[in-house]
PDB file of N, CA and C in Angstrom:
ATOM      1  N   MET A   1      95.048  93.794  99.049  1.00  0.00           N
ATOM      2  CA  MET A   1      95.697  95.617  97.960  1.00  0.00           C
ATOM      3  C   MET A   1      95.508  94.660  96.382  1.00  0.00           C
ATOM      4  N   LEU A   2      94.733  92.595  96.212  1.00  0.00           N
ATOM      5  CA  LEU A   2      95.695  93.030  95.293  1.00  0.00           C
ATOM      6  C   LEU A   2      94.249  92.285  94.294  1.00  0.00           C
ATOM      7  N   GLU A   3      92.854  93.135  94.767  1.00  0.00           N
ATOM      8  CA  GLU A   3      91.666  93.367  94.032  1.00  0.00           C
ATOM      9  C   GLU A   3      92.535  94.155  93.496  1.00  0.00           C
ATOM     10  N   ARG A   4      92.563  95.159  93.447  1.00  0.00           N
ATOM     11  CA  ARG A   4      93.157  96.350  92.743  1.00  0.00           C
ATOM     12  C   ARG A   4      93.657  96.126  91.763  1.00  0.00           C
ATOM     13  N   VAL A   5      94.251  95.770  91.425  1.00  0.00           N
ATOM     14  CA  VAL A   5      95.364  95.439  90.796  1.00  0.00           C
ATOM     15  C   VAL A   5      95.368  95.558  88.887  1.00  0.00           C
ATOM     16  N   PRO A   6      94.318  94.828  88.977  1.00  0.00           N
ATOM     17  CA  PRO A   6      93.703  94.440  87.414  1.00  0.00           C
ATOM     18  C   PRO A   6      93.036  95.756  86.501  1.00  0.00           C
ATOM     19  N   GLY A   7      92.297  97.005  88.007  1.00  0.00           N
ATOM     20  CA  GLY A   7      92.375  98.574  87.661  1.00  0.00           C
ATOM     21  C   GLY A   7      93.489  98.893  86.946  1.00  0.00           C
ATOM     22  N   TYR A   8      94.512  98.899  88.249  1.00  0.00           N
ATOM     23  CA  TYR A   8      95.860  99.271  88.018  1.00  0.00           C
ATOM     24  C   TYR A   8      96.136  99.458  86.915  1.00  0.00           C
ATOM     25  N   LEU A   9      96.423  97.488  86.251  1.00  0.00           N
ATOM     26  CA  LEU A   9      96.885  97.413  85.440  1.00  0.00           C
ATOM     27  C   LEU A   9      96.061  97.501  83.894  1.00  0.00           C
ATOM     28  N   GLN A  10      94.379  97.987  83.979  1.00  0.00           N
ATOM     29  CA  GLN A  10      94.205  98.997  82.834  1.00  0.00           C
ATOM     30  C   GLN A  10      94.565 100.017  82.181  1.00  0.00           C
ATOM     31  N   VAL A  11      94.375 100.725  83.583  1.00  0.00           N
ATOM     32  CA  VAL A  11      95.179 102.470  83.273  1.00  0.00           C
ATOM     33  C   VAL A  11      96.204 102.172  83.270  1.00  0.00           C
ATOM     34  N   LEU A  12      97.601 101.342  83.582  1.00  0.00           N
ATOM     35  CA  LEU A  12      98.618 101.261  82.838  1.00  0.00           C
ATOM     36  C   LEU A  12      99.048 100.893  81.871  1.00  0.00           C
ATOM     37  N   THR A  13      97.818 100.549  81.167  1.00  0.00           N
ATOM     38  CA  THR A  13      97.658  99.475  79.318  1.00  0.00           C
ATOM     39  C   THR A  13      97.521 100.894  78.819  1.00  0.00           C
ATOM     40  N   ALA A  14      96.190 101.265  79.621  1.00  0.00           N
ATOM     41  CA  ALA A  14      95.324 102.330  78.181  1.00  0.00           C
ATOM     42  C   ALA A  14      96.773 103.258  78.385  1.00  0.00           C
ATOM     43  N   HIS A  15      97.975 103.754  79.065  1.00  0.00           N
ATOM     44  CA  HIS A  15      98.805 105.161  78.689  1.00  0.00           C
ATOM     45  C   HIS A  15      99.485 104.402  77.957  1.00  0.00           C
ATOM     46  N   GLY A  16      99.416 103.193  77.349  1.00  0.00           N
ATOM     47  CA  GLY A  16     101.137 102.895  77.224  1.00  0.00           C
ATOM     48  C   GLY A  16     101.896 101.835  78.277  1.00  0.00           C
ATOM     49  N   VAL A  17     101.474 101.974  78.256  1.00  0.00           N
ATOM     50  CA  VAL A  17     102.216 101.625  79.693  1.00  0.00           C
ATOM     51  C   VAL A  17     102.952 100.095  80.103  1.00  0.00           C
ATOM     52  N   GLU A  18     103.591  99.349  79.548  1.00  0.00           N
ATOM     53  CA  GLU A  18     103.711  97.400  79.256  1.00  0.00           C
ATOM     54  C   GLU A  18     103.537  97.272  81.132  1.00  0.00           C
ATOM     55  N   CYS A  19     102.898  95.976  81.196  1.00  0.00           N
ATOM     56  CA  CYS A  19     102.891  95.606  82.707  1.00  0.00           C
ATOM     57  C   CYS A  19     103.208  94.242  82.680  1.00  0.00           C
ATOM     58  N   GLN A  20     102.730  93.374  84.048  1.00  0.00           N
ATOM     59  CA  GLN A  20     102.633  92.054  84.659  1.00  0.00           C
ATOM     60  C   GLN A  20     101.806  92.005  85.802  1.00  0.00           C
ATOM     61  N   LEU A  21     100.972  91.307  85.934  1.00  0.00           N
ATOM     62  CA  LEU A  21     101.393  90.672  86.873  1.00  0.00           C
ATOM     63  C   LEU A  21     101.465  89.486  87.129  1.00  0.00           C
ATOM     64  N   LEU A  22     102.697  89.049  87.834  1.00  0.00           N
ATOM     65  CA  LEU A  22     103.131  87.864  88.512  1.00  0.00           C
ATOM     66  C   LEU A  22     102.845  87.218  89.718  1.00  0.00           C
ATOM     67  N   ARG A  23     102.718  85.805  89.819  1.00  0.00           N
ATOM     68  CA  ARG A  23     102.746  85.415  91.473  1.00  0.00           C
ATOM     69  C   ARG A  23     103.587  84.120  91.243  1.00  0.00           C
ATOM     70  N   SER A  24     103.991  84.246  92.806  1.00  0.00           N
ATOM     71  CA  SER A  24     104.608  83.380  92.853  1.00  0.00           C
ATOM     72  C   SER A  24     105.238  83.285  94.346  1.00  0.00           C
ATOM     73  N   ALA A  25     105.449  81.852  94.354  1.00  0.00           N
ATOM     74  CA  ALA A  25     105.546  81.106  96.114  1.00  0.00           C
ATOM     75  C   ALA A  25     107.287  81.507  95.975  1.00  0.00           C
ATOM     76  N   ASP A  26     107.570  81.503  94.681  1.00  0.00           N
ATOM     77  CA  ASP A  26     109.454  82.090  95.276  1.00  0.00           C
ATOM     78  C   ASP A  26     109.709  82.947  94.371  1.00  0.00           C
ATOM     79  N   PRO A  27     109.923  84.819  94.025  1.00  0.00           N
ATOM     80  CA  PRO A  27     110.093  85.016  93.580  1.00  0.00           C
ATOM     81  C   PRO A  27     111.617  85.606  92.911  1.00  0.00           C
ATOM     82  N   GLY A  28     111.981  85.471  94.143  1.00  0.00           N
ATOM     83  CA  GLY A  28     113.399  86.027  93.863  1.00  0.00           C
ATOM     84  C   GLY A  28     114.238  86.581  95.598  1.00  0.00           C
ATOM     85  N   ARG A  29     114.777  87.214  95.360  1.00  0.00           N
ATOM     86  CA  ARG A  29     115.802  87.833  96.562  1.00  0.00           C
ATOM     87  C   ARG A  29     115.141  89.431  96.924  1.00  0.00           C
ATOM     88  N   VAL A  30     114.575  89.130  98.169  1.00  0.00           N
ATOM     89  CA  VAL A  30     113.430  90.483  98.497  1.00  0.00           C
ATOM     90  C   VAL A  30     114.245  91.636  99.221  1.00  0.00           C
ATOM     91  N   ILE A  31     114.560  93.076  98.217  1.00  0.00           N
ATOM     92  CA  ILE A  31     115.311  94.086  98.667  1.00  0.00           C
ATOM     93  C   ILE A  31     114.597  94.983  99.777  1.00  0.00           C
ATOM     94  N   TYR A  32     112.762  94.946 100.031  1.00  0.00           N
ATOM     95  CA  TYR A  32     112.452  95.952 100.012  1.00  0.00           C
ATOM     96  C   TYR A  32     110.498  95.252 100.488  1.00  0.00           C
ATOM     97  N   GLU A  33     110.263  95.235 101.474  1.00  0.00           N
ATOM     98  CA  GLU A  33     109.266  95.033 101.869  1.00  0.00           C
ATOM     99  C   GLU A  33     108.226  95.806 103.056  1.00  0.00           C
ATOM    100  N   ASP A  34     106.911  95.950 103.078  1.00  0.00           N
ATOM    101  CA  ASP A  34     106.204  96.635 104.250  1.00  0.00           C
ATOM    102  C   ASP A  34     104.920  95.663 103.846  1.00  0.00           C
ATOM    103  N   ASP A  35     103.862  96.599 104.632  1.00  0.00           N
ATOM    104  CA  ASP A  35     102.697  95.754 105.218  1.00  0.00           C
ATOM    105  C   ASP A  35     101.911  95.798 103.611  1.00  0.00           C
ATOM    106  N   VAL A  36     101.807  96.266 102.960  1.00  0.00           N
ATOM    107  CA  VAL A  36     101.516  96.010 101.051  1.00  0.00           C
ATOM    108  C   VAL A  36     102.180  96.387  99.857  1.00  0.00           C
ATOM    109  N   GLN A  37     103.820  96.024  99.719  1.00  0.00           N
ATOM    110  CA  GLN A  37     104.026  95.296  98.670  1.00  0.00           C
ATOM    111  C   GLN A  37     105.734  95.057  99.127  1.00  0.00           C
ATOM    112  N   VAL A  38     105.953  94.181  97.979  1.00  0.00           N
ATOM    113  CA  VAL A  38     107.527  94.281  97.973  1.00  0.00           C
ATOM    114  C   VAL A  38     107.602  93.622  96.908  1.00  0.00           C
ATOM    115  N   VAL A  39     109.735  93.947  96.784  1.00  0.00           N
ATOM    116  CA  VAL A  39     109.882  93.801  95.378  1.00  0.00           C
ATOM    117  C   VAL A  39     111.591  93.459  95.785  1.00  0.00           C
ATOM    118  N   VAL A  40     111.280  92.627  94.486  1.00  0.00           N
ATOM    119  CA  VAL A  40     112.413  91.160  94.716  1.00  0.00           C
ATOM    120  C   VAL A  40     113.204  92.198  93.322  1.00  0.00           C
ATOM    121  N   VAL A  41     114.763  91.216  93.530  1.00  0.00           N
ATOM    122  CA  VAL A  41     115.883  91.244  92.919  1.00  0.00           C
ATOM    123  C   VAL A  41     114.930  89.948  91.982  1.00  0.00           C
ATOM    124  N   PRO A  42     114.371  89.697  90.600  1.00  0.00           N
ATOM    125  CA  PRO A  42     114.363  88.023  90.912  1.00  0.00           C
ATOM    126  C   PRO A  42     115.821  87.093  90.931  1.00  0.00           C
ATOM    127  N   HIS A  43     115.220  85.798  90.709  1.00  0.00           N
ATOM    128  CA  HIS A  43     116.868  84.466  90.420  1.00  0.00           C
ATOM    129  C   HIS A  43     117.379  84.570  89.081  1.00  0.00           C
ATOM    130  N   PRO A  44     118.531  84.461  88.881  1.00  0.00           N
ATOM    131  CA  PRO A  44     119.603  84.182  87.454  1.00  0.00           C
ATOM    132  C   PRO A  44     118.839  83.828  86.541  1.00  0.00           C
TER     133      PRO A  44
END
């Protein structure tokens, strides 16, 4: 899945949507997770 991220970021940027790719070993509190994505609340 990560191989596709740069292309998605280019599409979002072309449409004026600000976005960032962030990587972290400890991103925060996981609130959702499945086979291809994770949603977290960042540490304060």
